[in-house]
PDB file of all heavy atoms in Angstrom:
ATOM      1  N   TYR A   1     -13.359  14.821  36.519  1.00  0.00           N
ATOM      2  CA  TYR A   1     -13.979  15.825  35.638  1.00  0.00           C
ATOM      3  C   TYR A   1     -13.199  16.266  34.505  1.00  0.00           C
ATOM      4  O   TYR A   1     -13.420  17.317  33.913  1.00  0.00           O
ATOM      5  CB  TYR A   1     -14.432  17.115  36.500  1.00  0.00           C
ATOM      6  CG  TYR A   1     -15.360  16.744  37.639  1.00  0.00           C
ATOM      7  CD1 TYR A   1     -14.985  16.986  38.973  1.00  0.00           C
ATOM      8  CD2 TYR A   1     -16.572  16.034  37.443  1.00  0.00           C
ATOM      9  CE1 TYR A   1     -15.787  16.656  40.050  1.00  0.00           C
ATOM     10  CE2 TYR A   1     -17.347  15.704  38.526  1.00  0.00           C
ATOM     11  CZ  TYR A   1     -16.965  15.998  39.736  1.00  0.00           C
ATOM     12  OH  TYR A   1     -17.783  15.648  40.818  1.00  0.00           O
ATOM     13  N   HIS A   2     -12.219  15.440  34.054  1.00  0.00           N
ATOM     14  CA  HIS A   2     -11.428  15.802  32.892  1.00  0.00           C
ATOM     15  C   HIS A   2     -12.250  15.830  31.603  1.00  0.00           C
ATOM     16  O   HIS A   2     -12.970  14.841  31.340  1.00  0.00           O
ATOM     17  CB  HIS A   2     -10.238  14.745  32.687  1.00  0.00           C
ATOM     18  CG  HIS A   2      -9.422  15.045  31.620  1.00  0.00           C
ATOM     19  ND1 HIS A   2      -8.495  16.174  31.539  1.00  0.00           N
ATOM     20  CD2 HIS A   2      -9.249  14.501  30.366  1.00  0.00           C
ATOM     21  CE1 HIS A   2      -7.903  16.190  30.503  1.00  0.00           C
ATOM     22  NE2 HIS A   2      -8.299  15.212  29.671  1.00  0.00           N
ATOM     23  N   GLY A   3     -12.263  16.946  30.938  1.00  0.00           N
ATOM     24  CA  GLY A   3     -13.102  17.064  29.754  1.00  0.00           C
ATOM     25  C   GLY A   3     -14.377  17.849  29.959  1.00  0.00           C
ATOM     26  O   GLY A   3     -15.060  18.191  28.989  1.00  0.00           O
ATOM     27  N   LEU A   4     -14.754  18.075  31.230  1.00  0.00           N
ATOM     28  CA  LEU A   4     -15.908  18.890  31.492  1.00  0.00           C
ATOM     29  C   LEU A   4     -15.505  20.255  31.778  1.00  0.00           C
ATOM     30  O   LEU A   4     -14.561  20.564  32.586  1.00  0.00           O
ATOM     31  CB  LEU A   4     -16.574  18.342  32.758  1.00  0.00           C
ATOM     32  CG  LEU A   4     -17.554  17.077  32.699  1.00  0.00           C
ATOM     33  CD1 LEU A   4     -18.056  16.764  34.010  1.00  0.00           C
ATOM     34  CD2 LEU A   4     -18.666  17.399  31.742  1.00  0.00           C
ATOM     35  N   GLY A   5     -16.128  21.193  31.145  1.00  0.00           N
ATOM     36  CA  GLY A   5     -15.840  22.578  31.354  1.00  0.00           C
ATOM     37  C   GLY A   5     -16.204  23.068  32.783  1.00  0.00           C
ATOM     38  O   GLY A   5     -17.117  22.438  33.372  1.00  0.00           O
ATOM     39  N   ASP A   6     -15.670  24.111  33.206  1.00  0.00           N
ATOM     40  CA  ASP A   6     -15.950  24.725  34.577  1.00  0.00           C
ATOM     41  C   ASP A   6     -17.402  25.111  34.641  1.00  0.00           C
ATOM     42  O   ASP A   6     -18.009  25.222  35.697  1.00  0.00           O
ATOM     43  CB  ASP A   6     -15.009  25.862  34.909  1.00  0.00           C
ATOM     44  CG  ASP A   6     -13.558  25.391  35.128  1.00  0.00           C
ATOM     45  OD1 ASP A   6     -13.412  24.252  35.426  1.00  0.00           O
ATOM     46  OD2 ASP A   6     -12.697  26.266  35.029  1.00  0.00           O
ATOM     47  N   TRP A   7     -17.964  25.462  33.473  1.00  0.00           N
ATOM     48  CA  TRP A   7     -19.340  26.028  33.410  1.00  0.00           C
ATOM     49  C   TRP A   7     -20.392  24.902  33.290  1.00  0.00           C
ATOM     50  O   TRP A   7     -21.590  25.164  33.379  1.00  0.00           O
ATOM     51  CB  TRP A   7     -19.447  26.954  32.185  1.00  0.00           C
ATOM     52  CG  TRP A   7     -18.967  26.317  30.953  1.00  0.00           C
ATOM     53  CD1 TRP A   7     -17.687  26.362  30.419  1.00  0.00           C
ATOM     54  CD2 TRP A   7     -19.772  25.656  30.012  1.00  0.00           C
ATOM     55  NE1 TRP A   7     -17.613  25.632  29.285  1.00  0.00           N
ATOM     56  CE2 TRP A   7     -18.946  25.182  29.014  1.00  0.00           C
ATOM     57  CE3 TRP A   7     -21.084  25.252  29.929  1.00  0.00           C
ATOM     58  CZ2 TRP A   7     -19.336  24.381  27.931  1.00  0.00           C
ATOM     59  CZ3 TRP A   7     -21.534  24.485  28.912  1.00  0.00           C
ATOM     60  CH2 TRP A   7     -20.680  24.079  27.909  1.00  0.00           C
ATOM     61  N   GLU A   8     -19.992  23.687  33.096  1.00  0.00           N
ATOM     62  CA  GLU A   8     -20.942  22.576  32.867  1.00  0.00           C
ATOM     63  C   GLU A   8     -21.824  22.475  34.107  1.00  0.00           C
ATOM     64  O   GLU A   8     -21.365  22.357  35.245  1.00  0.00           O
ATOM     65  CB  GLU A   8     -20.317  21.296  32.662  1.00  0.00           C
ATOM     66  CG  GLU A   8     -19.681  21.101  31.325  1.00  0.00           C
ATOM     67  CD  GLU A   8     -20.556  20.834  30.225  1.00  0.00           C
ATOM     68  OE1 GLU A   8     -21.743  20.564  30.439  1.00  0.00           O
ATOM     69  OE2 GLU A   8     -20.137  20.958  29.116  1.00  0.00           O
ATOM     70  N   PRO A   9     -23.210  22.508  33.988  1.00  0.00           N
ATOM     71  CA  PRO A   9     -24.092  22.449  35.067  1.00  0.00           C
ATOM     72  C   PRO A   9     -23.839  21.201  36.014  1.00  0.00           C
ATOM     73  O   PRO A   9     -23.905  21.391  37.179  1.00  0.00           O
ATOM     74  CB  PRO A   9     -25.508  22.422  34.489  1.00  0.00           C
ATOM     75  CG  PRO A   9     -25.341  23.076  33.051  1.00  0.00           C
ATOM     76  CD  PRO A   9     -23.879  22.668  32.730  1.00  0.00           C
ATOM     77  N   ILE A  10     -23.640  20.099  35.390  1.00  0.00           N
ATOM     78  CA  ILE A  10     -23.480  18.910  36.254  1.00  0.00           C
ATOM     79  C   ILE A  10     -22.226  18.957  37.103  1.00  0.00           C
ATOM     80  O   ILE A  10     -22.255  18.579  38.260  1.00  0.00           O
ATOM     81  CB  ILE A  10     -23.459  17.602  35.414  1.00  0.00           C
ATOM     82  CG1 ILE A  10     -23.582  16.326  36.280  1.00  0.00           C
ATOM     83  CG2 ILE A  10     -22.264  17.513  34.478  1.00  0.00           C
ATOM     84  CD1 ILE A  10     -24.904  16.224  36.901  1.00  0.00           C
ATOM     85  N   ARG A  11     -21.205  19.629  36.591  1.00  0.00           N
ATOM     86  CA  ARG A  11     -19.945  19.735  37.361  1.00  0.00           C
ATOM     87  C   ARG A  11     -20.193  20.768  38.537  1.00  0.00           C
ATOM     88  O   ARG A  11     -19.820  20.510  39.665  1.00  0.00           O
ATOM     89  CB  ARG A  11     -18.815  20.248  36.447  1.00  0.00           C
ATOM     90  CG  ARG A  11     -17.538  20.364  37.224  1.00  0.00           C
ATOM     91  CD  ARG A  11     -16.395  20.766  36.324  1.00  0.00           C
ATOM     92  NE  ARG A  11     -15.140  20.811  37.090  1.00  0.00           N
ATOM     93  CZ  ARG A  11     -14.022  20.861  36.501  1.00  0.00           C
ATOM     94  NH1 ARG A  11     -13.946  20.767  35.151  1.00  0.00           N
ATOM     95  NH2 ARG A  11     -12.909  20.934  37.240  1.00  0.00           N
ATOM     96  N   VAL A  12     -20.893  21.815  38.234  1.00  0.00           N
ATOM     97  CA  VAL A  12     -21.189  22.835  39.294  1.00  0.00           C
ATOM     98  C   VAL A  12     -22.010  22.227  40.408  1.00  0.00           C
ATOM     99  O   VAL A  12     -21.794  22.437  41.560  1.00  0.00           O
ATOM    100  CB  VAL A  12     -21.813  24.075  38.643  1.00  0.00           C
ATOM    101  CG1 VAL A  12     -22.280  25.033  39.676  1.00  0.00           C
ATOM    102  CG2 VAL A  12     -20.912  24.764  37.705  1.00  0.00           C
ATOM    103  N   ILE A  13     -23.014  21.436  40.016  1.00  0.00           N
ATOM    104  CA  ILE A  13     -23.872  20.780  40.965  1.00  0.00           C
ATOM    105  C   ILE A  13     -23.174  19.767  41.847  1.00  0.00           C
ATOM    106  O   ILE A  13     -23.204  19.827  43.076  1.00  0.00           O
ATOM    107  CB  ILE A  13     -25.122  20.157  40.306  1.00  0.00           C
ATOM    108  CG1 ILE A  13     -26.028  21.236  39.699  1.00  0.00           C
ATOM    109  CG2 ILE A  13     -25.898  19.248  41.293  1.00  0.00           C
ATOM    110  CD1 ILE A  13     -27.069  20.723  38.791  1.00  0.00           C
ATOM    111  N   LEU A  14     -22.376  18.939  41.187  1.00  0.00           N
ATOM    112  CA  LEU A  14     -21.664  17.891  41.942  1.00  0.00           C
ATOM    113  C   LEU A  14     -20.511  18.392  42.748  1.00  0.00           C
ATOM    114  O   LEU A  14     -20.227  17.808  43.734  1.00  0.00           O
ATOM    115  CB  LEU A  14     -21.158  16.843  40.891  1.00  0.00           C
ATOM    116  CG  LEU A  14     -22.217  15.928  40.218  1.00  0.00           C
ATOM    117  CD1 LEU A  14     -21.586  15.026  39.221  1.00  0.00           C
ATOM    118  CD2 LEU A  14     -23.074  15.291  41.200  1.00  0.00           C
ATOM    119  N   GLU A  15     -19.913  19.469  42.320  1.00  0.00           N
ATOM    120  CA  GLU A  15     -18.826  20.086  43.182  1.00  0.00           C
ATOM    121  C   GLU A  15     -19.405  21.047  44.279  1.00  0.00           C
ATOM    122  O   GLU A  15     -18.705  21.570  45.025  1.00  0.00           O
ATOM    123  CB  GLU A  15     -17.863  20.848  42.279  1.00  0.00           C
ATOM    124  CG  GLU A  15     -16.992  19.947  41.504  1.00  0.00           C
ATOM    125  CD  GLU A  15     -15.938  20.613  40.688  1.00  0.00           C
ATOM    126  OE1 GLU A  15     -16.089  21.926  40.503  1.00  0.00           O
ATOM    127  OE2 GLU A  15     -14.975  20.000  40.203  1.00  0.00           O
ATOM    128  N   ASN A  16     -20.786  21.196  44.203  1.00  0.00           N
ATOM    129  CA  ASN A  16     -21.471  21.960  45.168  1.00  0.00           C
ATOM    130  C   ASN A  16     -20.953  23.496  45.198  1.00  0.00           C
ATOM    131  O   ASN A  16     -20.857  24.052  46.207  1.00  0.00           O
ATOM    132  CB  ASN A  16     -21.386  21.425  46.561  1.00  0.00           C
ATOM    133  CG  ASN A  16     -22.609  21.774  47.415  1.00  0.00           C
ATOM    134  OD1 ASN A  16     -23.542  22.295  46.907  1.00  0.00           O
ATOM    135  ND2 ASN A  16     -22.409  21.588  48.693  1.00  0.00           N
ATOM    136  N   GLU A  17     -20.753  24.010  43.967  1.00  0.00           N
ATOM    137  CA  GLU A  17     -20.288  25.324  43.779  1.00  0.00           C
ATOM    138  C   GLU A  17     -21.561  26.202  43.417  1.00  0.00           C
ATOM    139  O   GLU A  17     -21.680  26.559  42.286  1.00  0.00           O
ATOM    140  CB  GLU A  17     -19.264  25.484  42.738  1.00  0.00           C
ATOM    141  CG  GLU A  17     -17.906  24.844  43.086  1.00  0.00           C
ATOM    142  CD  GLU A  17     -16.896  25.088  41.992  1.00  0.00           C
ATOM    143  OE1 GLU A  17     -17.056  25.799  41.135  1.00  0.00           O
ATOM    144  OE2 GLU A  17     -15.907  24.325  42.050  1.00  0.00           O
ATOM    145  N   GLU A  18     -22.345  26.584  44.453  1.00  0.00           N
ATOM    146  CA  GLU A  18     -23.560  27.276  44.136  1.00  0.00           C
ATOM    147  C   GLU A  18     -23.219  28.877  44.176  1.00  0.00           C
ATOM    148  O   GLU A  18     -23.845  29.608  44.948  1.00  0.00           O
ATOM    149  CB  GLU A  18     -24.612  26.992  45.142  1.00  0.00           C
ATOM    150  CG  GLU A  18     -25.059  25.524  44.932  1.00  0.00           C
ATOM    151  CD  GLU A  18     -26.326  25.225  45.769  1.00  0.00           C
ATOM    152  OE1 GLU A  18     -26.957  26.162  46.262  1.00  0.00           O
ATOM    153  OE2 GLU A  18     -26.525  24.020  45.936  1.00  0.00           O
ATOM    154  N   LYS A  19     -22.265  29.199  43.421  1.00  0.00           N
ATOM    155  CA  LYS A  19     -21.977  30.655  43.390  1.00  0.00           C
ATOM    156  C   LYS A  19     -22.400  31.220  41.932  1.00  0.00           C
ATOM    157  O   LYS A  19     -22.599  30.415  41.072  1.00  0.00           O
ATOM    158  CB  LYS A  19     -20.524  30.940  43.534  1.00  0.00           C
ATOM    159  CG  LYS A  19     -19.584  30.170  42.642  1.00  0.00           C
ATOM    160  CD  LYS A  19     -18.088  30.357  42.938  1.00  0.00           C
ATOM    161  CE  LYS A  19     -17.258  29.523  42.033  1.00  0.00           C
ATOM    162  NZ  LYS A  19     -15.896  29.440  42.384  1.00  0.00           N
ATOM    163  N   PHE A  20     -22.459  32.491  41.786  1.00  0.00           N
ATOM    164  CA  PHE A  20     -22.967  33.042  40.550  1.00  0.00           C
ATOM    165  C   PHE A  20     -21.880  32.700  39.408  1.00  0.00           C
ATOM    166  O   PHE A  20     -20.697  32.857  39.660  1.00  0.00           O
ATOM    167  CB  PHE A  20     -23.133  34.554  40.624  1.00  0.00           C
ATOM    168  CG  PHE A  20     -23.508  35.163  39.317  1.00  0.00           C
ATOM    169  CD1 PHE A  20     -24.826  35.049  38.840  1.00  0.00           C
ATOM    170  CD2 PHE A  20     -22.617  35.773  38.548  1.00  0.00           C
ATOM    171  CE1 PHE A  20     -25.212  35.562  37.626  1.00  0.00           C
ATOM    172  CE2 PHE A  20     -22.981  36.298  37.343  1.00  0.00           C
ATOM    173  CZ  PHE A  20     -24.198  36.229  36.857  1.00  0.00           C
ATOM    174  N   HIS A  21     -22.366  32.289  38.288  1.00  0.00           N
ATOM    175  CA  HIS A  21     -21.566  31.984  37.220  1.00  0.00           C
ATOM    176  C   HIS A  21     -22.138  32.671  35.957  1.00  0.00           C
ATOM    177  O   HIS A  21     -23.395  32.798  35.875  1.00  0.00           O
ATOM    178  CB  HIS A  21     -21.437  30.513  36.969  1.00  0.00           C
ATOM    179  CG  HIS A  21     -20.300  30.056  36.091  1.00  0.00           C
ATOM    180  ND1 HIS A  21     -20.410  30.099  34.725  1.00  0.00           N
ATOM    181  CD2 HIS A  21     -19.035  29.664  36.361  1.00  0.00           C
ATOM    182  CE1 HIS A  21     -19.288  29.766  34.172  1.00  0.00           C
ATOM    183  NE2 HIS A  21     -18.474  29.440  35.204  1.00  0.00           N
ATOM    184  N   GLU A  22     -21.353  33.107  35.052  1.00  0.00           N
ATOM    185  CA  GLU A  22     -21.983  33.893  33.915  1.00  0.00           C
ATOM    186  C   GLU A  22     -22.885  33.012  33.047  1.00  0.00           C
ATOM    187  O   GLU A  22     -23.741  33.512  32.326  1.00  0.00           O
ATOM    188  CB  GLU A  22     -20.865  34.450  33.120  1.00  0.00           C
ATOM    189  CG  GLU A  22     -19.826  33.481  32.492  1.00  0.00           C
ATOM    190  CD  GLU A  22     -18.653  34.093  31.925  1.00  0.00           C
ATOM    191  OE1 GLU A  22     -17.954  34.840  32.571  1.00  0.00           O
ATOM    192  OE2 GLU A  22     -18.398  33.861  30.695  1.00  0.00           O
ATOM    193  N   LYS A  23     -22.674  31.712  32.968  1.00  0.00           N
ATOM    194  CA  LYS A  23     -23.527  30.867  32.077  1.00  0.00           C
ATOM    195  C   LYS A  23     -24.721  30.218  32.846  1.00  0.00           C
ATOM    196  O   LYS A  23     -25.727  30.056  32.231  1.00  0.00           O
ATOM    197  CB  LYS A  23     -22.712  29.749  31.489  1.00  0.00           C
ATOM    198  CG  LYS A  23     -21.576  30.315  30.539  1.00  0.00           C
ATOM    199  CD  LYS A  23     -21.438  29.411  29.412  1.00  0.00           C
ATOM    200  CE  LYS A  23     -20.360  29.939  28.501  1.00  0.00           C
ATOM    201  NZ  LYS A  23     -20.670  29.884  27.162  1.00  0.00           N
ATOM    202  N   ILE A  24     -24.597  29.989  34.127  1.00  0.00           N
ATOM    203  CA  ILE A  24     -25.693  29.426  34.849  1.00  0.00           C
ATOM    204  C   ILE A  24     -25.822  30.161  36.141  1.00  0.00           C
ATOM    205  O   ILE A  24     -24.885  30.606  36.782  1.00  0.00           O
ATOM    206  CB  ILE A  24     -25.538  27.855  35.111  1.00  0.00           C
ATOM    207  CG1 ILE A  24     -24.185  27.563  35.837  1.00  0.00           C
ATOM    208  CG2 ILE A  24     -25.505  27.079  33.876  1.00  0.00           C
ATOM    209  CD1 ILE A  24     -24.105  26.176  36.222  1.00  0.00           C
ATOM    210  N   ASP A  25     -26.963  30.087  36.736  1.00  0.00           N
ATOM    211  CA  ASP A  25     -27.296  30.749  37.980  1.00  0.00           C
ATOM    212  C   ASP A  25     -27.999  29.737  38.927  1.00  0.00           C
ATOM    213  O   ASP A  25     -29.186  29.522  38.667  1.00  0.00           O
ATOM    214  CB  ASP A  25     -28.061  32.037  37.720  1.00  0.00           C
ATOM    215  CG  ASP A  25     -28.302  32.804  39.080  1.00  0.00           C
ATOM    216  OD1 ASP A  25     -27.645  32.558  40.077  1.00  0.00           O
ATOM    217  OD2 ASP A  25     -29.150  33.702  39.084  1.00  0.00           O
ATOM    218  N   LEU A  26     -27.344  29.287  39.919  1.00  0.00           N
ATOM    219  CA  LEU A  26     -27.917  28.345  40.827  1.00  0.00           C
ATOM    220  C   LEU A  26     -28.154  29.024  42.271  1.00  0.00           C
ATOM    221  O   LEU A  26     -28.303  28.366  43.214  1.00  0.00           O
ATOM    222  CB  LEU A  26     -27.018  27.167  41.053  1.00  0.00           C
ATOM    223  CG  LEU A  26     -26.724  26.304  39.816  1.00  0.00           C
ATOM    224  CD1 LEU A  26     -25.674  25.282  40.142  1.00  0.00           C
ATOM    225  CD2 LEU A  26     -27.961  25.660  39.295  1.00  0.00           C
ATOM    226  N   THR A  27     -28.220  30.348  42.188  1.00  0.00           N
ATOM    227  CA  THR A  27     -28.344  31.098  43.461  1.00  0.00           C
ATOM    228  C   THR A  27     -29.823  31.328  43.992  1.00  0.00           C
ATOM    229  O   THR A  27     -29.963  31.798  45.090  1.00  0.00           O
ATOM    230  CB  THR A  27     -27.653  32.497  43.382  1.00  0.00           C
ATOM    231  OG1 THR A  27     -28.210  33.188  42.304  1.00  0.00           O
ATOM    232  CG2 THR A  27     -26.144  32.281  43.131  1.00  0.00           C
ATOM    233  N   ASP A  28     -30.794  31.041  43.108  1.00  0.00           N
ATOM    234  CA  ASP A  28     -32.192  31.191  43.541  1.00  0.00           C
ATOM    235  C   ASP A  28     -32.453  30.082  44.570  1.00  0.00           C
ATOM    236  O   ASP A  28     -32.501  28.881  44.245  1.00  0.00           O
ATOM    237  CB  ASP A  28     -33.049  31.081  42.383  1.00  0.00           C
ATOM    238  CG  ASP A  28     -33.147  32.322  41.565  1.00  0.00           C
ATOM    239  OD1 ASP A  28     -32.654  33.376  42.052  1.00  0.00           O
ATOM    240  OD2 ASP A  28     -33.557  32.270  40.369  1.00  0.00           O
ATOM    241  N   ASN A  29     -32.768  30.493  45.766  1.00  0.00           N
ATOM    242  CA  ASN A  29     -33.198  29.551  46.772  1.00  0.00           C
ATOM    243  C   ASN A  29     -34.778  29.583  46.830  1.00  0.00           C
ATOM    244  O   ASN A  29     -35.432  30.516  47.224  1.00  0.00           O
ATOM    245  CB  ASN A  29     -32.653  29.921  48.143  1.00  0.00           C
ATOM    246  CG  ASN A  29     -31.180  29.760  48.254  1.00  0.00           C
ATOM    247  OD1 ASN A  29     -30.593  28.947  47.546  1.00  0.00           O
ATOM    248  ND2 ASN A  29     -30.510  30.709  48.901  1.00  0.00           N
ATOM    249  N   LEU A  30     -35.302  28.410  46.341  1.00  0.00           N
ATOM    250  CA  LEU A  30     -36.799  28.273  46.327  1.00  0.00           C
ATOM    251  C   LEU A  30     -37.117  27.277  47.375  1.00  0.00           C
ATOM    252  O   LEU A  30     -36.812  26.094  47.170  1.00  0.00           O
ATOM    253  CB  LEU A  30     -37.280  27.821  44.925  1.00  0.00           C
ATOM    254  CG  LEU A  30     -37.037  28.828  43.857  1.00  0.00           C
ATOM    255  CD1 LEU A  30     -37.351  28.246  42.502  1.00  0.00           C
ATOM    256  CD2 LEU A  30     -37.905  30.118  44.080  1.00  0.00           C
ATOM    257  N   TYR A  31     -37.685  27.685  48.484  1.00  0.00           N
ATOM    258  CA  TYR A  31     -38.127  26.777  49.506  1.00  0.00           C
ATOM    259  C   TYR A  31     -39.524  26.318  49.235  1.00  0.00           C
ATOM    260  O   TYR A  31     -40.343  27.028  48.762  1.00  0.00           O
ATOM    261  CB  TYR A  31     -37.979  27.432  50.892  1.00  0.00           C
ATOM    262  CG  TYR A  31     -36.604  27.915  51.175  1.00  0.00           C
ATOM    263  CD1 TYR A  31     -36.221  29.253  51.033  1.00  0.00           C
ATOM    264  CD2 TYR A  31     -35.580  27.015  51.491  1.00  0.00           C
ATOM    265  CE1 TYR A  31     -34.887  29.695  51.340  1.00  0.00           C
ATOM    266  CE2 TYR A  31     -34.332  27.419  51.804  1.00  0.00           C
ATOM    267  CZ  TYR A  31     -33.928  28.740  51.648  1.00  0.00           C
ATOM    268  OH  TYR A  31     -32.693  29.144  51.893  1.00  0.00           O
ATOM    269  N   ALA A  32     -39.814  25.066  49.664  1.00  0.00           N
ATOM    270  CA  ALA A  32     -41.122  24.412  49.423  1.00  0.00           C
ATOM    271  C   ALA A  32     -42.229  25.216  49.999  1.00  0.00           C
ATOM    272  O   ALA A  32     -43.288  25.365  49.370  1.00  0.00           O
ATOM    273  CB  ALA A  32     -41.167  23.025  49.952  1.00  0.00           C
ATOM    274  N   GLU A  33     -42.050  25.828  51.223  1.00  0.00           N
ATOM    275  CA  GLU A  33     -43.123  26.591  51.816  1.00  0.00           C
ATOM    276  C   GLU A  33     -43.436  27.941  51.057  1.00  0.00           C
ATOM    277  O   GLU A  33     -44.498  28.452  51.168  1.00  0.00           O
ATOM    278  CB  GLU A  33     -42.757  27.053  53.231  1.00  0.00           C
ATOM    279  CG  GLU A  33     -42.185  25.941  54.134  1.00  0.00           C
ATOM    280  CD  GLU A  33     -40.735  25.651  53.988  1.00  0.00           C
ATOM    281  OE1 GLU A  33     -39.951  26.599  53.862  1.00  0.00           O
ATOM    282  OE2 GLU A  33     -40.425  24.428  53.852  1.00  0.00           O
ATOM    283  N   GLU A  34     -42.432  28.378  50.302  1.00  0.00           N
ATOM    284  CA  GLU A  34     -42.585  29.752  49.660  1.00  0.00           C
ATOM    285  C   GLU A  34     -42.740  29.567  48.135  1.00  0.00           C
ATOM    286  O   GLU A  34     -42.772  30.541  47.407  1.00  0.00           O
ATOM    287  CB  GLU A  34     -41.368  30.522  49.912  1.00  0.00           C
ATOM    288  CG  GLU A  34     -41.056  30.790  51.379  1.00  0.00           C
ATOM    289  CD  GLU A  34     -39.675  31.441  51.586  1.00  0.00           C
ATOM    290  OE1 GLU A  34     -38.976  31.667  50.594  1.00  0.00           O
ATOM    291  OE2 GLU A  34     -39.340  31.696  52.749  1.00  0.00           O
ATOM    292  N   SER A  35     -42.927  28.337  47.623  1.00  0.00           N
ATOM    293  CA  SER A  35     -42.986  28.157  46.139  1.00  0.00           C
ATOM    294  C   SER A  35     -44.167  27.417  45.712  1.00  0.00           C
ATOM    295  O   SER A  35     -44.851  26.677  46.500  1.00  0.00           O
ATOM    296  CB  SER A  35     -41.740  27.301  45.727  1.00  0.00           C
ATOM    297  OG  SER A  35     -40.587  27.876  46.180  1.00  0.00           O
ATOM    298  N   THR A  36     -44.472  27.609  44.423  1.00  0.00           N
ATOM    299  CA  THR A  36     -45.537  26.816  43.705  1.00  0.00           C
ATOM    300  C   THR A  36     -45.054  26.262  42.486  1.00  0.00           C
ATOM    301  O   THR A  36     -44.077  26.743  41.870  1.00  0.00           O
ATOM    302  CB  THR A  36     -46.799  27.732  43.458  1.00  0.00           C
ATOM    303  OG1 THR A  36     -46.356  28.781  42.626  1.00  0.00           O
ATOM    304  CG2 THR A  36     -47.398  28.243  44.701  1.00  0.00           C
ATOM    305  N   ILE A  37     -45.677  25.186  42.055  1.00  0.00           N
ATOM    306  CA  ILE A  37     -45.228  24.518  40.839  1.00  0.00           C
ATOM    307  C   ILE A  37     -46.343  24.770  39.762  1.00  0.00           C
ATOM    308  O   ILE A  37     -47.516  24.691  40.016  1.00  0.00           O
ATOM    309  CB  ILE A  37     -45.175  23.007  41.111  1.00  0.00           C
ATOM    310  CG1 ILE A  37     -44.054  22.697  42.122  1.00  0.00           C
ATOM    311  CG2 ILE A  37     -44.856  22.241  39.799  1.00  0.00           C
ATOM    312  CD1 ILE A  37     -43.922  21.207  42.492  1.00  0.00           C
ATOM    313  N   TRP A  38     -45.869  25.142  38.577  1.00  0.00           N
ATOM    314  CA  TRP A  38     -46.738  25.425  37.444  1.00  0.00           C
ATOM    315  C   TRP A  38     -46.442  24.448  36.333  1.00  0.00           C
ATOM    316  O   TRP A  38     -45.253  24.198  35.975  1.00  0.00           O
ATOM    317  CB  TRP A  38     -46.471  26.824  36.932  1.00  0.00           C
ATOM    318  CG  TRP A  38     -46.920  27.927  37.897  1.00  0.00           C
ATOM    319  CD1 TRP A  38     -46.322  28.328  38.977  1.00  0.00           C
ATOM    320  CD2 TRP A  38     -48.171  28.599  37.876  1.00  0.00           C
ATOM    321  NE1 TRP A  38     -46.997  29.313  39.627  1.00  0.00           N
ATOM    322  CE2 TRP A  38     -48.167  29.499  38.932  1.00  0.00           C
ATOM    323  CE3 TRP A  38     -49.257  28.589  36.956  1.00  0.00           C
ATOM    324  CZ2 TRP A  38     -49.231  30.370  39.213  1.00  0.00           C
ATOM    325  CZ3 TRP A  38     -50.308  29.476  37.206  1.00  0.00           C
ATOM    326  CH2 TRP A  38     -50.304  30.246  38.260  1.00  0.00           C
ATOM    327  N   ILE A  39     -47.482  23.879  35.750  1.00  0.00           N
ATOM    328  CA  ILE A  39     -47.370  23.046  34.525  1.00  0.00           C
ATOM    329  C   ILE A  39     -48.427  23.440  33.556  1.00  0.00           C
ATOM    330  O   ILE A  39     -49.690  23.480  33.887  1.00  0.00           O
ATOM    331  CB  ILE A  39     -47.588  21.556  34.893  1.00  0.00           C
ATOM    332  CG1 ILE A  39     -46.479  21.087  35.933  1.00  0.00           C
ATOM    333  CG2 ILE A  39     -47.479  20.673  33.687  1.00  0.00           C
ATOM    334  CD1 ILE A  39     -46.668  19.708  36.348  1.00  0.00           C
ATOM    335  N   VAL A  40     -48.094  23.798  32.350  1.00  0.00           N
ATOM    336  CA  VAL A  40     -49.006  24.141  31.302  1.00  0.00           C
ATOM    337  C   VAL A  40     -49.921  25.270  31.781  1.00  0.00           C
ATOM    338  O   VAL A  40     -51.099  25.273  31.495  1.00  0.00           O
ATOM    339  CB  VAL A  40     -49.778  22.923  30.809  1.00  0.00           C
ATOM    340  CG1 VAL A  40     -50.530  23.218  29.498  1.00  0.00           C
ATOM    341  CG2 VAL A  40     -48.965  21.695  30.631  1.00  0.00           C
ATOM    342  N   GLY A  41     -49.365  26.232  32.409  1.00  0.00           N
ATOM    343  CA  GLY A  41     -50.164  27.408  32.883  1.00  0.00           C
ATOM    344  C   GLY A  41     -51.141  27.118  34.081  1.00  0.00           C
ATOM    345  O   GLY A  41     -51.981  27.905  34.305  1.00  0.00           O
ATOM    346  N   LYS A  42     -51.030  25.891  34.648  1.00  0.00           N
ATOM    347  CA  LYS A  42     -51.847  25.577  35.782  1.00  0.00           C
ATOM    348  C   LYS A  42     -51.023  25.481  37.066  1.00  0.00           C
ATOM    349  O   LYS A  42     -49.984  24.861  37.066  1.00  0.00           O
ATOM    350  CB  LYS A  42     -52.573  24.261  35.545  1.00  0.00           C
ATOM    351  CG  LYS A  42     -53.498  24.174  34.408  1.00  0.00           C
ATOM    352  CD  LYS A  42     -54.121  22.866  34.223  1.00  0.00           C
ATOM    353  CE  LYS A  42     -54.991  22.871  33.020  1.00  0.00           C
ATOM    354  NZ  LYS A  42     -55.661  21.518  32.757  1.00  0.00           N
ATOM    355  N   GLU A  43     -51.487  26.048  38.135  1.00  0.00           N
ATOM    356  CA  GLU A  43     -50.763  26.017  39.389  1.00  0.00           C
ATOM    357  C   GLU A  43     -51.221  24.790  40.111  1.00  0.00           C
ATOM    358  O   GLU A  43     -52.411  24.563  40.284  1.00  0.00           O
ATOM    359  CB  GLU A  43     -51.104  27.320  40.178  1.00  0.00           C
ATOM    360  CG  GLU A  43     -50.397  27.294  41.553  1.00  0.00           C
ATOM    361  CD  GLU A  43     -50.685  28.514  42.354  1.00  0.00           C
ATOM    362  OE1 GLU A  43     -51.514  29.342  41.945  1.00  0.00           O
ATOM    363  OE2 GLU A  43     -50.024  28.750  43.431  1.00  0.00           O
TER     364      GLU A  43
END
């Protein structure tokens, strides 16, 4: 990961660091049973 910043989303995802970061937030847990998908204002 030389050259990738600590805040780079791909680095955070690949290192599995799902903690709060000031630039990205990966802490929202959306489970399939509790979520819906929206496209162009249509559920």
